[in-house]
């Protein structure tokens, strides 16, 4: 498979701004993602620290995979943050999927702030061994 199996939205530190329901622009952090490939598909590992499973949204629209998650940045126990390094409480990243991949069979797991996505290849794109009959 070529390296064009997955194309990212942008390689910069932030995703483009997007208008929210309240009409204000919502900026988001772009999570770091590792992509690896084997004969049967792709594995994506996305760093999403602070995102709970309930605050994570994964969807495929046409040939685009969207990852969005909200960070619960509230201070514990009614405390007020004096200093905070996370100023954008959202993560957002999009990938264009190749036609060799089967988005209907994507598997997702979130553990310790790392999202693991397994995207299998279509059956016709997977290598197969051809048996040779004795003649």
N, C-alpha and C. Protein backbone atom coordinates (compact mmCIF):
# COMPACT_ATOMS: atom_id res chain seq x y z
N UNK A 1 0.85 -1.16 0.00
CA UNK A 1 0.00 0.00 0.00
C UNK A 1 0.89 1.23 0.00
N UNK A 2 0.48 2.25 -0.66
CA UNK A 2 1.27 3.47 -0.72
C UNK A 2 1.14 4.24 0.58
N UNK A 3 1.97 5.25 0.74
CA UNK A 3 1.91 6.07 1.94
C UNK A 3 0.71 7.00 1.92
N UNK A 4 -0.09 6.96 0.88
CA UNK A 4 -1.28 7.81 0.79
C UNK A 4 -2.52 7.11 1.34
N UNK A 5 -2.36 6.06 2.12
CA UNK A 5 -3.50 5.34 2.68
C UNK A 5 -4.31 6.25 3.59
N UNK A 6 -3.62 7.14 4.31
CA UNK A 6 -4.26 8.10 5.19
C UNK A 6 -3.59 9.43 4.98
N UNK A 7 -4.37 10.46 4.74
CA UNK A 7 -3.82 11.80 4.62
C UNK A 7 -4.40 12.64 5.74
N UNK A 8 -3.56 13.44 6.37
CA UNK A 8 -3.97 14.23 7.51
C UNK A 8 -4.51 15.59 7.08
N UNK A 9 -5.25 16.23 7.98
CA UNK A 9 -5.82 17.54 7.71
C UNK A 9 -4.73 18.60 7.59
N UNK A 10 -3.82 18.64 8.53
CA UNK A 10 -2.67 19.54 8.48
C UNK A 10 -1.65 19.05 9.49
N UNK A 11 -0.44 19.43 9.29
CA UNK A 11 0.61 18.98 10.19
C UNK A 11 0.99 20.03 11.21
N UNK A 12 0.25 21.09 11.30
CA UNK A 12 0.56 22.18 12.22
C UNK A 12 0.01 21.86 13.61
N UNK A 13 0.26 22.74 14.54
CA UNK A 13 -0.15 22.51 15.92
C UNK A 13 -1.62 22.65 16.18
N UNK A 14 -2.39 23.21 15.24
CA UNK A 14 -3.82 23.41 15.48
C UNK A 14 -4.62 23.10 14.24
N UNK A 15 -5.83 22.64 14.45
CA UNK A 15 -6.76 22.43 13.35
C UNK A 15 -7.41 23.76 13.00
N UNK A 16 -7.97 23.88 11.79
CA UNK A 16 -8.62 25.12 11.42
C UNK A 16 -9.78 25.45 12.35
N UNK A 17 -10.08 26.72 12.49
CA UNK A 17 -11.20 27.15 13.33
C UNK A 17 -12.50 26.68 12.71
N UNK A 18 -13.50 26.49 13.56
CA UNK A 18 -14.79 26.01 13.11
C UNK A 18 -15.87 26.73 13.90
N UNK A 19 -16.96 27.07 13.26
CA UNK A 19 -18.03 27.77 13.96
C UNK A 19 -18.82 26.81 14.81
N UNK A 20 -19.08 27.19 16.04
CA UNK A 20 -19.85 26.37 16.95
C UNK A 20 -21.32 26.71 16.88
N UNK A 21 -22.12 26.02 17.68
CA UNK A 21 -23.56 26.22 17.69
C UNK A 21 -23.92 27.62 18.15
N UNK A 22 -23.07 28.21 18.99
CA UNK A 22 -23.36 29.54 19.49
C UNK A 22 -22.85 30.63 18.54
N UNK A 23 -22.32 30.23 17.39
CA UNK A 23 -21.87 31.20 16.40
C UNK A 23 -20.43 31.65 16.60
N UNK A 24 -19.84 31.32 17.74
CA UNK A 24 -18.45 31.71 17.98
C UNK A 24 -17.52 30.68 17.41
N UNK A 25 -16.36 31.12 17.03
CA UNK A 25 -15.36 30.22 16.47
C UNK A 25 -14.77 29.37 17.59
N UNK A 26 -14.67 28.05 17.36
CA UNK A 26 -14.09 27.14 18.33
C UNK A 26 -12.75 26.64 17.79
N UNK A 27 -11.69 26.97 18.47
CA UNK A 27 -10.38 26.46 18.06
C UNK A 27 -10.10 25.19 18.82
N UNK A 28 -9.24 24.37 18.24
CA UNK A 28 -8.95 23.08 18.87
C UNK A 28 -7.48 22.74 18.70
N UNK A 29 -6.97 21.94 19.63
CA UNK A 29 -5.61 21.42 19.52
C UNK A 29 -5.61 20.24 18.56
N UNK A 30 -4.51 20.05 17.88
CA UNK A 30 -4.35 18.90 16.98
C UNK A 30 -3.55 17.83 17.73
N UNK A 31 -4.17 16.68 17.99
CA UNK A 31 -3.43 15.65 18.73
C UNK A 31 -2.34 15.02 17.86
N UNK A 32 -1.29 14.60 18.48
CA UNK A 32 -0.22 13.87 17.80
C UNK A 32 -0.72 12.46 17.51
N UNK A 33 -0.43 11.97 16.30
CA UNK A 33 -0.91 10.66 15.87
C UNK A 33 0.22 9.88 15.22
N UNK A 34 0.38 8.62 15.62
CA UNK A 34 1.30 7.69 14.97
C UNK A 34 0.47 6.77 14.11
N UNK A 35 0.92 6.53 12.87
CA UNK A 35 0.21 5.64 11.95
C UNK A 35 1.17 4.53 11.54
N UNK A 36 0.72 3.29 11.70
CA UNK A 36 1.53 2.15 11.25
C UNK A 36 0.65 1.26 10.37
N UNK A 37 1.32 0.55 9.47
CA UNK A 37 0.61 -0.30 8.51
C UNK A 37 1.19 -1.70 8.52
N UNK A 38 0.29 -2.68 8.36
CA UNK A 38 0.72 -4.05 8.14
C UNK A 38 -0.09 -4.59 6.95
N UNK A 39 0.03 -5.87 6.68
CA UNK A 39 -0.65 -6.44 5.51
C UNK A 39 -2.17 -6.36 5.59
N UNK A 40 -2.73 -6.29 6.81
CA UNK A 40 -4.18 -6.34 6.95
C UNK A 40 -4.84 -5.00 7.23
N UNK A 41 -4.06 -3.96 7.49
CA UNK A 41 -4.68 -2.66 7.74
C UNK A 41 -3.74 -1.66 8.39
N UNK A 42 -4.36 -0.60 8.93
CA UNK A 42 -3.63 0.47 9.59
C UNK A 42 -3.99 0.53 11.06
N UNK A 43 -3.03 0.99 11.86
CA UNK A 43 -3.27 1.28 13.26
C UNK A 43 -2.89 2.72 13.51
N UNK A 44 -3.81 3.50 14.09
CA UNK A 44 -3.55 4.89 14.46
C UNK A 44 -3.53 4.97 15.97
N UNK A 45 -2.53 5.63 16.52
CA UNK A 45 -2.44 5.89 17.96
C UNK A 45 -2.45 7.40 18.13
N UNK A 46 -3.51 7.94 18.74
CA UNK A 46 -3.66 9.38 18.92
C UNK A 46 -3.55 9.73 20.40
N UNK A 47 -2.74 10.73 20.72
CA UNK A 47 -2.59 11.20 22.10
C UNK A 47 -3.71 12.18 22.41
N UNK A 48 -4.59 11.80 23.34
CA UNK A 48 -5.73 12.63 23.74
C UNK A 48 -5.79 12.75 25.26
N UNK A 49 -4.75 13.30 25.91
CA UNK A 49 -4.77 13.37 27.37
C UNK A 49 -5.92 14.22 27.88
N UNK A 50 -6.59 13.73 28.91
CA UNK A 50 -7.68 14.46 29.52
C UNK A 50 -9.04 14.25 28.90
N UNK A 51 -9.11 13.47 27.81
CA UNK A 51 -10.39 13.22 27.13
C UNK A 51 -11.00 11.93 27.69
N UNK A 52 -12.22 12.04 28.19
CA UNK A 52 -12.96 10.86 28.66
C UNK A 52 -13.67 10.21 27.48
N UNK A 53 -13.96 8.93 27.62
CA UNK A 53 -14.64 8.20 26.56
C UNK A 53 -15.95 8.87 26.16
N UNK A 54 -16.67 9.40 27.14
CA UNK A 54 -17.96 10.06 26.89
C UNK A 54 -17.78 11.37 26.12
N UNK A 55 -16.59 11.94 26.16
CA UNK A 55 -16.33 13.22 25.50
C UNK A 55 -15.62 13.06 24.15
N UNK A 56 -15.53 11.82 23.67
CA UNK A 56 -14.83 11.52 22.43
C UNK A 56 -15.84 11.18 21.34
N UNK A 57 -15.67 11.78 20.17
CA UNK A 57 -16.54 11.50 19.03
C UNK A 57 -15.69 11.08 17.84
N UNK A 58 -16.01 9.92 17.29
CA UNK A 58 -15.36 9.41 16.09
C UNK A 58 -16.45 9.24 15.04
N UNK A 59 -16.19 9.72 13.82
CA UNK A 59 -17.17 9.54 12.75
C UNK A 59 -16.47 9.51 11.41
N UNK A 60 -17.10 8.81 10.47
CA UNK A 60 -16.61 8.76 9.10
C UNK A 60 -17.68 9.38 8.23
N UNK A 61 -17.30 10.38 7.46
CA UNK A 61 -18.18 11.03 6.49
C UNK A 61 -17.52 10.92 5.14
N UNK A 62 -18.19 10.23 4.22
CA UNK A 62 -17.62 9.94 2.90
C UNK A 62 -16.30 9.20 3.11
N UNK A 63 -15.18 9.79 2.71
CA UNK A 63 -13.88 9.12 2.88
C UNK A 63 -13.03 9.79 3.95
N UNK A 64 -13.66 10.54 4.87
CA UNK A 64 -12.92 11.28 5.89
C UNK A 64 -13.25 10.77 7.29
N UNK A 65 -12.20 10.46 8.05
CA UNK A 65 -12.32 10.06 9.44
C UNK A 65 -12.12 11.30 10.30
N UNK A 66 -13.07 11.58 11.19
CA UNK A 66 -12.99 12.73 12.09
C UNK A 66 -12.83 12.24 13.52
N UNK A 67 -11.87 12.84 14.24
CA UNK A 67 -11.64 12.56 15.65
C UNK A 67 -11.83 13.87 16.39
N UNK A 68 -12.75 13.91 17.36
CA UNK A 68 -12.97 15.11 18.16
C UNK A 68 -13.15 14.71 19.61
N UNK A 69 -12.53 15.46 20.50
CA UNK A 69 -12.66 15.15 21.91
C UNK A 69 -12.58 16.40 22.75
N UNK A 70 -13.31 16.41 23.85
CA UNK A 70 -13.31 17.55 24.77
C UNK A 70 -12.52 17.19 26.02
N UNK A 71 -11.76 18.15 26.51
CA UNK A 71 -10.97 17.98 27.72
C UNK A 71 -11.74 18.58 28.88
N UNK A 72 -11.84 17.83 29.96
CA UNK A 72 -12.46 18.37 31.16
C UNK A 72 -11.38 19.11 31.93
N UNK A 73 -11.33 20.42 31.74
CA UNK A 73 -10.27 21.23 32.32
C UNK A 73 -10.67 21.86 33.65
N UNK A 74 -11.77 21.41 34.21
CA UNK A 74 -12.22 21.98 35.49
C UNK A 74 -11.25 21.62 36.60
N UNK A 75 -11.01 22.56 37.45
CA UNK A 75 -10.13 22.33 38.59
C UNK A 75 -10.85 21.44 39.60
N UNK A 76 -10.14 20.50 40.23
CA UNK A 76 -10.79 19.58 41.18
C UNK A 76 -11.20 20.29 42.48
N UNK A 77 -12.25 19.79 43.06
CA UNK A 77 -12.68 20.24 44.39
C UNK A 77 -13.02 21.71 44.50
N UNK A 78 -13.51 22.30 43.44
CA UNK A 78 -13.91 23.70 43.49
C UNK A 78 -12.74 24.67 43.51
N UNK A 79 -11.54 24.17 43.25
CA UNK A 79 -10.38 25.05 43.20
C UNK A 79 -10.39 25.84 41.90
N UNK A 80 -9.71 26.97 41.89
CA UNK A 80 -9.62 27.79 40.69
C UNK A 80 -8.19 27.74 40.17
N UNK A 81 -8.04 27.51 38.86
CA UNK A 81 -6.70 27.44 38.27
C UNK A 81 -6.07 28.84 38.25
N UNK A 82 -4.85 28.93 38.76
CA UNK A 82 -4.10 30.17 38.72
C UNK A 82 -3.27 30.21 37.43
N UNK A 83 -2.85 29.03 36.98
CA UNK A 83 -2.05 28.89 35.77
C UNK A 83 -2.49 27.62 35.07
N UNK A 84 -2.69 27.69 33.75
CA UNK A 84 -3.09 26.50 32.99
C UNK A 84 -2.39 26.51 31.65
N UNK A 85 -1.79 25.37 31.29
CA UNK A 85 -1.12 25.27 29.99
C UNK A 85 -2.07 24.83 28.89
N UNK A 86 -3.17 24.17 29.24
CA UNK A 86 -4.15 23.76 28.25
C UNK A 86 -5.21 24.85 28.18
N UNK A 87 -5.16 25.63 27.11
CA UNK A 87 -6.10 26.73 26.96
C UNK A 87 -7.22 26.40 25.98
N UNK A 88 -6.98 25.43 25.11
CA UNK A 88 -7.99 25.02 24.15
C UNK A 88 -8.56 23.69 24.64
N UNK A 89 -9.80 23.68 25.07
CA UNK A 89 -10.34 22.47 25.71
C UNK A 89 -10.83 21.40 24.73
N UNK A 90 -10.39 21.45 23.48
CA UNK A 90 -10.85 20.47 22.48
C UNK A 90 -9.67 19.97 21.65
N UNK A 91 -9.80 18.73 21.21
CA UNK A 91 -8.90 18.15 20.22
C UNK A 91 -9.71 17.92 18.96
N UNK A 92 -9.08 18.12 17.81
CA UNK A 92 -9.77 17.84 16.54
C UNK A 92 -8.72 17.45 15.51
N UNK A 93 -9.03 16.37 14.77
CA UNK A 93 -8.13 15.91 13.71
C UNK A 93 -8.96 15.17 12.68
N UNK A 94 -8.59 15.30 11.41
CA UNK A 94 -9.30 14.62 10.32
C UNK A 94 -8.28 13.93 9.43
N UNK A 95 -8.70 12.79 8.87
CA UNK A 95 -7.86 12.02 7.96
C UNK A 95 -8.69 11.60 6.75
N UNK A 96 -8.11 11.70 5.58
CA UNK A 96 -8.74 11.17 4.38
C UNK A 96 -8.29 9.73 4.22
N UNK A 97 -9.27 8.82 4.13
CA UNK A 97 -8.97 7.39 4.05
C UNK A 97 -8.91 6.93 2.60
N UNK A 98 -7.97 6.07 2.31
CA UNK A 98 -7.84 5.48 0.98
C UNK A 98 -9.00 4.51 0.74
N UNK A 99 -9.28 4.25 -0.51
CA UNK A 99 -10.35 3.29 -0.86
C UNK A 99 -9.95 1.86 -0.55
N UNK A 100 -8.68 1.63 -0.26
CA UNK A 100 -8.22 0.29 0.12
C UNK A 100 -8.66 -0.07 1.53
N UNK A 101 -9.08 0.91 2.33
CA UNK A 101 -9.46 0.68 3.72
C UNK A 101 -10.97 0.47 3.85
N UNK A 102 -11.38 -0.25 4.90
CA UNK A 102 -12.78 -0.56 5.14
C UNK A 102 -13.26 0.21 6.38
N UNK A 103 -13.81 1.42 6.20
CA UNK A 103 -14.22 2.22 7.36
C UNK A 103 -15.38 1.61 8.15
N UNK A 104 -16.13 0.69 7.58
CA UNK A 104 -17.25 0.09 8.30
C UNK A 104 -16.78 -0.88 9.38
N UNK A 105 -15.50 -1.23 9.37
CA UNK A 105 -14.98 -2.20 10.36
C UNK A 105 -13.94 -1.58 11.29
N UNK A 106 -13.94 -0.27 11.44
CA UNK A 106 -12.99 0.39 12.33
C UNK A 106 -13.27 -0.01 13.78
N UNK A 107 -12.21 -0.34 14.50
CA UNK A 107 -12.30 -0.66 15.92
C UNK A 107 -11.57 0.42 16.70
N UNK A 108 -12.16 0.87 17.81
CA UNK A 108 -11.57 1.95 18.61
C UNK A 108 -11.47 1.55 20.07
N UNK A 109 -10.36 1.98 20.69
CA UNK A 109 -10.14 1.72 22.12
C UNK A 109 -9.45 2.95 22.70
N UNK A 110 -9.94 3.45 23.83
CA UNK A 110 -9.33 4.58 24.53
C UNK A 110 -8.84 4.10 25.89
N UNK A 111 -7.54 4.26 26.12
CA UNK A 111 -6.97 3.82 27.39
C UNK A 111 -5.83 4.76 27.78
N UNK A 112 -5.89 5.28 28.99
CA UNK A 112 -4.84 6.14 29.53
C UNK A 112 -4.51 7.32 28.61
N UNK A 113 -5.54 7.92 28.00
CA UNK A 113 -5.33 9.09 27.16
C UNK A 113 -4.83 8.80 25.76
N UNK A 114 -4.78 7.53 25.38
CA UNK A 114 -4.33 7.15 24.04
C UNK A 114 -5.48 6.44 23.32
N UNK A 115 -5.86 6.99 22.17
CA UNK A 115 -6.89 6.38 21.33
C UNK A 115 -6.20 5.47 20.33
N UNK A 116 -6.63 4.22 20.29
CA UNK A 116 -6.10 3.25 19.32
C UNK A 116 -7.20 2.92 18.34
N UNK A 117 -6.97 3.20 17.07
CA UNK A 117 -7.91 2.87 16.01
C UNK A 117 -7.29 1.82 15.11
N UNK A 118 -8.04 0.78 14.84
CA UNK A 118 -7.60 -0.25 13.89
C UNK A 118 -8.53 -0.14 12.67
N UNK A 119 -7.95 0.14 11.52
CA UNK A 119 -8.71 0.29 10.28
C UNK A 119 -8.26 -0.81 9.33
N UNK A 120 -9.08 -1.85 9.15
CA UNK A 120 -8.68 -2.96 8.28
C UNK A 120 -8.76 -2.58 6.81
N UNK A 121 -7.97 -3.28 6.02
CA UNK A 121 -8.02 -3.11 4.57
C UNK A 121 -9.22 -3.89 4.02
N UNK A 122 -9.72 -3.45 2.89
CA UNK A 122 -10.75 -4.19 2.17
C UNK A 122 -10.16 -5.56 1.81
N UNK A 123 -10.99 -6.56 1.68
CA UNK A 123 -10.51 -7.91 1.38
C UNK A 123 -9.70 -7.95 0.09
N UNK A 124 -10.13 -7.20 -0.92
CA UNK A 124 -9.42 -7.22 -2.21
C UNK A 124 -8.06 -6.54 -2.12
N UNK A 125 -7.81 -5.74 -1.10
CA UNK A 125 -6.53 -5.04 -0.97
C UNK A 125 -5.52 -5.81 -0.12
N UNK A 126 -5.96 -6.88 0.53
CA UNK A 126 -5.06 -7.66 1.37
C UNK A 126 -4.33 -8.69 0.52
N UNK A 127 -3.06 -8.89 0.81
CA UNK A 127 -2.33 -9.90 0.05
C UNK A 127 -2.86 -11.31 0.36
N UNK A 128 -2.80 -12.16 -0.63
CA UNK A 128 -3.23 -13.55 -0.40
C UNK A 128 -2.21 -14.47 -1.05
N UNK A 129 -2.08 -15.61 -0.47
CA UNK A 129 -1.13 -16.60 -0.97
C UNK A 129 -1.86 -17.51 -1.95
N UNK A 130 -1.22 -17.80 -3.06
CA UNK A 130 -1.81 -18.66 -4.10
C UNK A 130 -1.15 -20.01 -3.99
N UNK A 131 -1.96 -21.02 -3.78
CA UNK A 131 -1.47 -22.38 -3.70
C UNK A 131 -1.17 -22.90 -5.12
N UNK A 132 -0.12 -23.68 -5.23
CA UNK A 132 0.26 -24.25 -6.51
C UNK A 132 -0.06 -25.75 -6.48
N UNK A 133 -0.89 -26.16 -7.42
CA UNK A 133 -1.27 -27.58 -7.50
C UNK A 133 -0.20 -28.37 -8.22
N UNK A 134 0.03 -29.60 -7.75
CA UNK A 134 1.00 -30.49 -8.41
C UNK A 134 0.38 -30.98 -9.70
N UNK A 135 1.18 -31.01 -10.75
CA UNK A 135 0.59 -31.23 -11.99
C UNK A 135 0.73 -32.38 -12.81
